Amino acid sequence: MLMLSKKSKGPFVSLALTATAIVMIGGGLYTLSLVASPSLAPLLVQKPITVSALPAPEKTEDRIIIPKLGINIVYAPGEASLDRGAQWRYPERGNPENGGNFIIAAHRFSIQPTPLGTIEKSPFYSIDKLAVGDKIIVDYRGTRYAYKIDKIFDVKPSQTEIEAQSDTPKLTLYSCELGGSEAGRVVVTATPMGKVEVGDKN
C-alpha cells in the first residue's frame, strides 16, 4: 500500500508564527500599559505636592497646581495649550487678580505613544478624586493664589452655563468624562482664598 507522508512545516514557518504571536502579545500588553498609565500615575510620578516647597511663581509662566493629585501644569489661552497643559477659557471672563469666572479646562484622557506621554497629556484624569474642601493653587503673572473647592458636579455637553460670566469671583475647572466629551463633563468650582506668600504652608 502506498503511504503518503505529510510535509512538515519548515523551521522558517514555525519561527515566523512564533514571532508574530510574540509581537501581537507584546503589542497588546503595551497598549494596555498606555491605557492604564494615568490610573497608575499616583504610584509612579504624581505625588502629592507640598505648596511651601514650590519654587516662586514666574511672571512669564502661569501654572495651576492641585496638591492632592500631584498636578503642576502650565495654562494659557487657546486650544493649542491643551497639548502643553491646560487651556484658559475666555480670559475676558475672569482671572485670579480681577475676579469673575476664571475657567480652566484640560484633557481627561489622551492616549500617546508612551505611558509617560499619556500621563502628561491626561492631567485631569483623576479630577473625580477631588473633594469639597481640597485646595487648588494658581500662579498668575508672578503671584500665587489659593482656592478652596466648594462644589463638584457633572454636566451634559450642552450645559455651557458653567462658562458663563460671573459677578462672584470663582475658579471653574472642567474636563470630559472618561467616556469622552459626548458623555458629559466633570466640573469643579472653587472659591478664592486670597494670595499665597512664597513659603506659606496653605
C-alpha atoms as a PDB file:
ATOM      1  CA  MET A   1       0.000   0.000   0.000  1.00  0.00           C
ATOM      2  CA  LEU A   2       1.322   3.393  -0.973  1.00  0.00           C
ATOM      3  CA  MET A   3       1.753   5.723   2.026  1.00  0.00           C
ATOM      4  CA  LEU A   4       1.844   9.481   1.582  1.00  0.00           C
ATOM      5  CA  SER A   5       3.876  11.329   4.152  1.00  0.00           C
ATOM      6  CA  LYS A   6       2.818  14.777   5.312  1.00  0.00           C
ATOM      7  CA  LYS A   7       5.283  17.500   4.655  1.00  0.00           C
ATOM      8  CA  SER A   8       6.449  19.009   7.906  1.00  0.00           C
ATOM      9  CA  LYS A   9       6.409  22.745   8.258  1.00  0.00           C
ATOM     10  CA  GLY A  10       9.787  24.220   7.739  1.00  0.00           C
ATOM     11  CA  PRO A  11      11.616  25.926  10.594  1.00  0.00           C
ATOM     12  CA  PHE A  12      11.086  29.320   8.927  1.00  0.00           C
ATOM     13  CA  VAL A  13       7.282  28.993   9.092  1.00  0.00           C
ATOM     14  CA  SER A  14       7.369  27.986  12.768  1.00  0.00           C
ATOM     15  CA  LEU A  15       9.705  30.833  13.577  1.00  0.00           C
ATOM     16  CA  ALA A  16       7.506  33.321  11.735  1.00  0.00           C
ATOM     17  CA  LEU A  17       4.390  32.131  13.596  1.00  0.00           C
ATOM     18  CA  THR A  18       6.182  32.364  16.931  1.00  0.00           C
ATOM     19  CA  ALA A  19       7.496  35.841  16.145  1.00  0.00           C
ATOM     20  CA  THR A  20       4.021  37.004  15.079  1.00  0.00           C
ATOM     21  CA  ALA A  21       2.492  35.689  18.302  1.00  0.00           C
ATOM     22  CA  ILE A  22       5.150  37.433  20.390  1.00  0.00           C
ATOM     23  CA  VAL A  23       4.621  40.723  18.555  1.00  0.00           C
ATOM     24  CA  MET A  24       0.846  40.520  18.968  1.00  0.00           C
ATOM     25  CA  ILE A  25       1.072  39.725  22.679  1.00  0.00           C
ATOM     26  CA  GLY A  26       3.715  42.374  23.226  1.00  0.00           C
ATOM     27  CA  GLY A  27       1.679  44.955  21.319  1.00  0.00           C
ATOM     28  CA  GLY A  28      -1.414  44.121  23.332  1.00  0.00           C
ATOM     29  CA  LEU A  29       0.452  44.448  26.621  1.00  0.00           C
ATOM     30  CA  TYR A  30       1.977  47.759  25.537  1.00  0.00           C
ATOM     31  CA  THR A  31      -1.421  49.120  24.523  1.00  0.00           C
ATOM     32  CA  LEU A  32      -2.757  48.030  27.900  1.00  0.00           C
ATOM     33  CA  SER A  33       0.097  49.902  29.610  1.00  0.00           C
ATOM     34  CA  LEU A  34      -0.828  53.068  27.684  1.00  0.00           C
ATOM     35  CA  VAL A  35      -4.465  52.815  28.738  1.00  0.00           C
ATOM     36  CA  ALA A  36      -3.623  52.027  32.363  1.00  0.00           C
ATOM     37  CA  SER A  37      -0.800  54.537  32.837  1.00  0.00           C
ATOM     38  CA  PRO A  38      -2.915  57.527  34.005  1.00  0.00           C
ATOM     39  CA  SER A  39      -4.554  55.440  36.725  1.00  0.00           C
ATOM     40  CA  LEU A  40      -1.075  54.342  37.860  1.00  0.00           C
ATOM     41  CA  ALA A  41       0.347  57.874  37.744  1.00  0.00           C
ATOM     42  CA  PRO A  42      -0.131  58.486  41.509  1.00  0.00           C
ATOM     43  CA  LEU A  43       2.091  55.473  42.161  1.00  0.00           C
ATOM     44  CA  LEU A  44       4.679  56.408  39.524  1.00  0.00           C
ATOM     45  CA  VAL A  45       5.109  60.146  39.030  1.00  0.00           C
ATOM     46  CA  GLN A  46       2.262  62.204  40.511  1.00  0.00           C
ATOM     47  CA  LYS A  47       2.981  62.522  44.216  1.00  0.00           C
ATOM     48  CA  PRO A  48       1.104  64.980  46.483  1.00  0.00           C
ATOM     49  CA  ILE A  49       2.633  68.448  46.363  1.00  0.00           C
ATOM     50  CA  THR A  50       3.737  70.479  49.383  1.00  0.00           C
ATOM     51  CA  VAL A  51       2.856  74.057  48.494  1.00  0.00           C
ATOM     52  CA  SER A  52       5.526  75.560  50.749  1.00  0.00           C
ATOM     53  CA  ALA A  53       8.184  73.608  48.808  1.00  0.00           C
ATOM     54  CA  LEU A  54       7.170  75.039  45.427  1.00  0.00           C
ATOM     55  CA  PRO A  55       9.529  77.481  43.705  1.00  0.00           C
ATOM     56  CA  ALA A  56       8.398  81.087  43.472  1.00  0.00           C
ATOM     57  CA  PRO A  57       5.885  81.762  40.672  1.00  0.00           C
ATOM     58  CA  GLU A  58       7.282  83.155  37.449  1.00  0.00           C
ATOM     59  CA  LYS A  59       5.827  86.164  35.664  1.00  0.00           C
ATOM     60  CA  THR A  60       6.384  84.525  32.298  1.00  0.00           C
ATOM     61  CA  GLU A  61       4.609  81.227  33.063  1.00  0.00           C
ATOM     62  CA  ASP A  62       1.173  80.754  34.603  1.00  0.00           C
ATOM     63  CA  ARG A  63       0.517  77.428  36.333  1.00  0.00           C
ATOM     64  CA  ILE A  64      -2.289  75.517  38.001  1.00  0.00           C
ATOM     65  CA  ILE A  65      -1.346  73.248  40.888  1.00  0.00           C
ATOM     66  CA  ILE A  66      -3.585  70.663  42.541  1.00  0.00           C
ATOM     67  CA  PRO A  67      -1.555  69.463  45.546  1.00  0.00           C
ATOM     68  CA  LYS A  68      -3.756  66.450  46.362  1.00  0.00           C
ATOM     69  CA  LEU A  69      -3.371  64.991  42.851  1.00  0.00           C
ATOM     70  CA  GLY A  70       0.261  65.963  42.279  1.00  0.00           C
ATOM     71  CA  ILE A  71      -0.708  68.143  39.309  1.00  0.00           C
ATOM     72  CA  ASN A  72       1.514  71.099  38.385  1.00  0.00           C
ATOM     73  CA  ILE A  73       0.924  72.235  34.786  1.00  0.00           C
ATOM     74  CA  VAL A  74       1.022  75.386  32.714  1.00  0.00           C
ATOM     75  CA  TYR A  75      -2.130  77.015  31.401  1.00  0.00           C
ATOM     76  CA  ALA A  76      -2.651  79.571  28.666  1.00  0.00           C
ATOM     77  CA  PRO A  77      -5.357  80.851  26.307  1.00  0.00           C
ATOM     78  CA  GLY A  78      -6.012  78.996  23.058  1.00  0.00           C
ATOM     79  CA  GLU A  79      -6.904  75.402  22.248  1.00  0.00           C
ATOM     80  CA  ALA A  80      -3.290  74.553  21.396  1.00  0.00           C
ATOM     81  CA  SER A  81      -2.431  74.991  25.079  1.00  0.00           C
ATOM     82  CA  LEU A  82      -4.308  71.745  25.824  1.00  0.00           C
ATOM     83  CA  ASP A  83      -1.334  69.869  24.382  1.00  0.00           C
ATOM     84  CA  ARG A  84       1.037  71.606  26.812  1.00  0.00           C
ATOM     85  CA  GLY A  85      -1.093  71.516  29.948  1.00  0.00           C
ATOM     86  CA  ALA A  86      -4.428  73.303  30.343  1.00  0.00           C
ATOM     87  CA  GLN A  87      -6.470  75.883  28.454  1.00  0.00           C
ATOM     88  CA  TRP A  88      -7.538  79.174  29.973  1.00  0.00           C
ATOM     89  CA  ARG A  89     -11.016  79.561  28.538  1.00  0.00           C
ATOM     90  CA  TYR A  90     -12.476  83.014  27.899  1.00  0.00           C
ATOM     91  CA  PRO A  91      -9.756  85.080  29.612  1.00  0.00           C
ATOM     92  CA  GLU A  92     -12.007  88.133  29.401  1.00  0.00           C
ATOM     93  CA  ARG A  93     -14.480  86.475  31.788  1.00  0.00           C
ATOM     94  CA  GLY A  94     -12.188  86.151  34.765  1.00  0.00           C
ATOM     95  CA  ASN A  95      -8.768  85.739  36.311  1.00  0.00           C
ATOM     96  CA  PRO A  96      -7.321  85.415  39.829  1.00  0.00           C
ATOM     97  CA  GLU A  97      -6.470  89.105  40.071  1.00  0.00           C
ATOM     98  CA  ASN A  98      -9.711  90.715  38.917  1.00  0.00           C
ATOM     99  CA  GLY A  99     -12.287  88.056  39.827  1.00  0.00           C
ATOM    100  CA  GLY A 100     -15.091  86.851  37.582  1.00  0.00           C
ATOM    101  CA  ASN A 101     -15.333  83.291  36.293  1.00  0.00           C
ATOM    102  CA  PHE A 102     -11.767  82.046  35.862  1.00  0.00           C
ATOM    103  CA  ILE A 103     -12.188  78.974  33.633  1.00  0.00           C
ATOM    104  CA  ILE A 104      -9.605  76.220  33.151  1.00  0.00           C
ATOM    105  CA  ALA A 105     -10.077  73.069  31.040  1.00  0.00           C
ATOM    106  CA  ALA A 106      -7.722  70.150  30.415  1.00  0.00           C
ATOM    107  CA  HIS A 107      -7.748  66.702  28.865  1.00  0.00           C
ATOM    108  CA  ARG A 108      -9.096  63.830  30.954  1.00  0.00           C
ATOM    109  CA  PHE A 109      -7.520  61.100  28.849  1.00  0.00           C
ATOM    110  CA  SER A 110      -5.392  61.395  25.716  1.00  0.00           C
ATOM    111  CA  ILE A 111      -3.529  58.275  24.625  1.00  0.00           C
ATOM    112  CA  GLN A 112       0.023  58.886  23.397  1.00  0.00           C
ATOM    113  CA  PRO A 113       2.875  56.711  22.032  1.00  0.00           C
ATOM    114  CA  THR A 114       4.399  56.193  25.520  1.00  0.00           C
ATOM    115  CA  PRO A 115       2.953  55.677  29.029  1.00  0.00           C
ATOM    116  CA  LEU A 116       4.679  58.824  30.319  1.00  0.00           C
ATOM    117  CA  GLY A 117       3.362  60.802  27.360  1.00  0.00           C
ATOM    118  CA  THR A 118      -0.159  59.541  28.074  1.00  0.00           C
ATOM    119  CA  ILE A 119       0.161  60.635  31.710  1.00  0.00           C
ATOM    120  CA  GLU A 120       1.408  64.089  30.704  1.00  0.00           C
ATOM    121  CA  LYS A 121      -1.408  64.583  28.184  1.00  0.00           C
ATOM    122  CA  SER A 122      -4.100  63.373  30.630  1.00  0.00           C
ATOM    123  CA  PRO A 123      -3.606  65.848  33.517  1.00  0.00           C
ATOM    124  CA  PHE A 124      -7.222  65.807  34.743  1.00  0.00           C
ATOM    125  CA  TYR A 125      -7.593  62.015  34.631  1.00  0.00           C
ATOM    126  CA  SER A 126      -8.206  61.877  38.402  1.00  0.00           C
ATOM    127  CA  ILE A 127     -10.325  65.019  38.670  1.00  0.00           C
ATOM    128  CA  ASP A 128     -13.120  62.881  40.119  1.00  0.00           C
ATOM    129  CA  LYS A 129     -10.872  62.077  43.116  1.00  0.00           C
ATOM    130  CA  LEU A 130     -11.104  65.678  44.349  1.00  0.00           C
ATOM    131  CA  ALA A 131     -13.410  66.544  47.235  1.00  0.00           C
ATOM    132  CA  VAL A 132     -15.086  69.639  48.603  1.00  0.00           C
ATOM    133  CA  GLY A 133     -12.558  71.493  50.752  1.00  0.00           C
ATOM    134  CA  ASP A 134      -9.487  70.479  48.729  1.00  0.00           C
ATOM    135  CA  LYS A 135      -7.115  73.281  47.750  1.00  0.00           C
ATOM    136  CA  ILE A 136      -6.155  74.450  44.278  1.00  0.00           C
ATOM    137  CA  ILE A 137      -3.207  76.776  43.733  1.00  0.00           C
ATOM    138  CA  VAL A 138      -2.909  79.128  40.775  1.00  0.00           C
ATOM    139  CA  ASP A 139       0.188  81.054  39.682  1.00  0.00           C
ATOM    140  CA  TYR A 140      -0.863  84.110  37.709  1.00  0.00           C
ATOM    141  CA  ARG A 141       1.560  86.717  36.408  1.00  0.00           C
ATOM    142  CA  GLY A 142       4.089  86.116  39.156  1.00  0.00           C
ATOM    143  CA  THR A 143       1.609  85.953  42.054  1.00  0.00           C
ATOM    144  CA  ARG A 144       0.304  82.819  43.762  1.00  0.00           C
ATOM    145  CA  TYR A 145      -3.371  82.439  44.664  1.00  0.00           C
ATOM    146  CA  ALA A 146      -5.264  79.797  46.639  1.00  0.00           C
ATOM    147  CA  TYR A 147      -8.762  78.434  46.055  1.00  0.00           C
ATOM    148  CA  LYS A 148     -10.921  76.004  48.036  1.00  0.00           C
ATOM    149  CA  ILE A 149     -13.229  73.595  46.221  1.00  0.00           C
ATOM    150  CA  ASP A 150     -16.884  74.237  47.049  1.00  0.00           C
ATOM    151  CA  LYS A 151     -18.700  72.051  44.531  1.00  0.00           C
ATOM    152  CA  ILE A 152     -18.135  69.051  42.229  1.00  0.00           C
ATOM    153  CA  PHE A 153     -20.777  68.000  39.718  1.00  0.00           C
ATOM    154  CA  ASP A 154     -21.430  66.536  36.276  1.00  0.00           C
ATOM    155  CA  VAL A 155     -22.992  68.341  33.325  1.00  0.00           C
ATOM    156  CA  LYS A 156     -24.136  67.411  29.856  1.00  0.00           C
ATOM    157  CA  PRO A 157     -22.140  68.683  26.854  1.00  0.00           C
ATOM    158  CA  SER A 158     -24.904  71.195  26.130  1.00  0.00           C
ATOM    159  CA  GLN A 159     -24.689  72.830  29.565  1.00  0.00           C
ATOM    160  CA  THR A 160     -22.373  75.676  28.641  1.00  0.00           C
ATOM    161  CA  GLU A 161     -23.607  77.817  31.518  1.00  0.00           C
ATOM    162  CA  ILE A 162     -20.596  76.614  33.505  1.00  0.00           C
ATOM    163  CA  GLU A 163     -18.572  79.085  31.414  1.00  0.00           C
ATOM    164  CA  ALA A 164     -20.958  81.998  31.894  1.00  0.00           C
ATOM    165  CA  GLN A 165     -19.742  85.315  33.229  1.00  0.00           C
ATOM    166  CA  SER A 166     -19.980  85.719  36.979  1.00  0.00           C
ATOM    167  CA  ASP A 167     -20.094  88.709  39.309  1.00  0.00           C
ATOM    168  CA  THR A 168     -18.852  86.436  42.084  1.00  0.00           C
ATOM    169  CA  PRO A 169     -15.161  85.525  41.755  1.00  0.00           C
ATOM    170  CA  LYS A 170     -14.616  81.808  41.302  1.00  0.00           C
ATOM    171  CA  LEU A 171     -12.461  79.180  39.637  1.00  0.00           C
ATOM    172  CA  THR A 172     -14.129  76.698  37.299  1.00  0.00           C
ATOM    173  CA  LEU A 173     -12.196  73.571  36.321  1.00  0.00           C
ATOM    174  CA  TYR A 174     -13.642  71.012  33.978  1.00  0.00           C
ATOM    175  CA  SER A 175     -12.786  68.016  31.863  1.00  0.00           C
ATOM    176  CA  CYS A 176     -14.613  65.404  29.819  1.00  0.00           C
ATOM    177  CA  GLU A 177     -15.981  62.225  31.323  1.00  0.00           C
ATOM    178  CA  LEU A 178     -13.795  59.177  30.672  1.00  0.00           C
ATOM    179  CA  GLY A 179     -16.364  58.125  28.085  1.00  0.00           C
ATOM    180  CA  GLY A 180     -15.496  61.207  26.017  1.00  0.00           C
ATOM    181  CA  SER A 181     -16.921  64.690  25.503  1.00  0.00           C
ATOM    182  CA  GLU A 182     -20.268  63.317  24.354  1.00  0.00           C
ATOM    183  CA  ALA A 183     -20.717  61.597  27.718  1.00  0.00           C
ATOM    184  CA  GLY A 184     -20.570  64.919  29.553  1.00  0.00           C
ATOM    185  CA  ARG A 185     -18.128  66.815  31.750  1.00  0.00           C
ATOM    186  CA  VAL A 186     -16.897  66.756  35.325  1.00  0.00           C
ATOM    187  CA  VAL A 187     -16.919  70.275  36.789  1.00  0.00           C
ATOM    188  CA  VAL A 188     -15.147  71.596  39.877  1.00  0.00           C
ATOM    189  CA  THR A 189     -15.806  75.094  41.218  1.00  0.00           C
ATOM    190  CA  ALA A 190     -13.676  76.770  43.867  1.00  0.00           C
ATOM    191  CA  THR A 191     -13.806  79.929  45.963  1.00  0.00           C
ATOM    192  CA  PRO A 192     -10.796  82.268  46.133  1.00  0.00           C
ATOM    193  CA  MET A 193      -8.926  82.371  49.434  1.00  0.00           C
ATOM    194  CA  GLY A 194      -6.514  85.161  48.559  1.00  0.00           C
ATOM    195  CA  LYS A 195      -2.837  85.385  47.777  1.00  0.00           C
ATOM    196  CA  VAL A 196      -0.318  82.822  48.971  1.00  0.00           C
ATOM    197  CA  GLU A 197       3.041  84.089  50.093  1.00  0.00           C
ATOM    198  CA  VAL A 198       6.006  82.052  48.925  1.00  0.00           C
ATOM    199  CA  GLY A 199       6.806  79.624  51.724  1.00  0.00           C
ATOM    200  CA  ASP A 200       3.273  79.839  53.137  1.00  0.00           C
ATOM    201  CA  LYS A 201       2.022  76.386  54.155  1.00  0.00           C
ATOM    202  CA  ASN A 202      -1.506  76.958  52.836  1.00  0.00           C
END
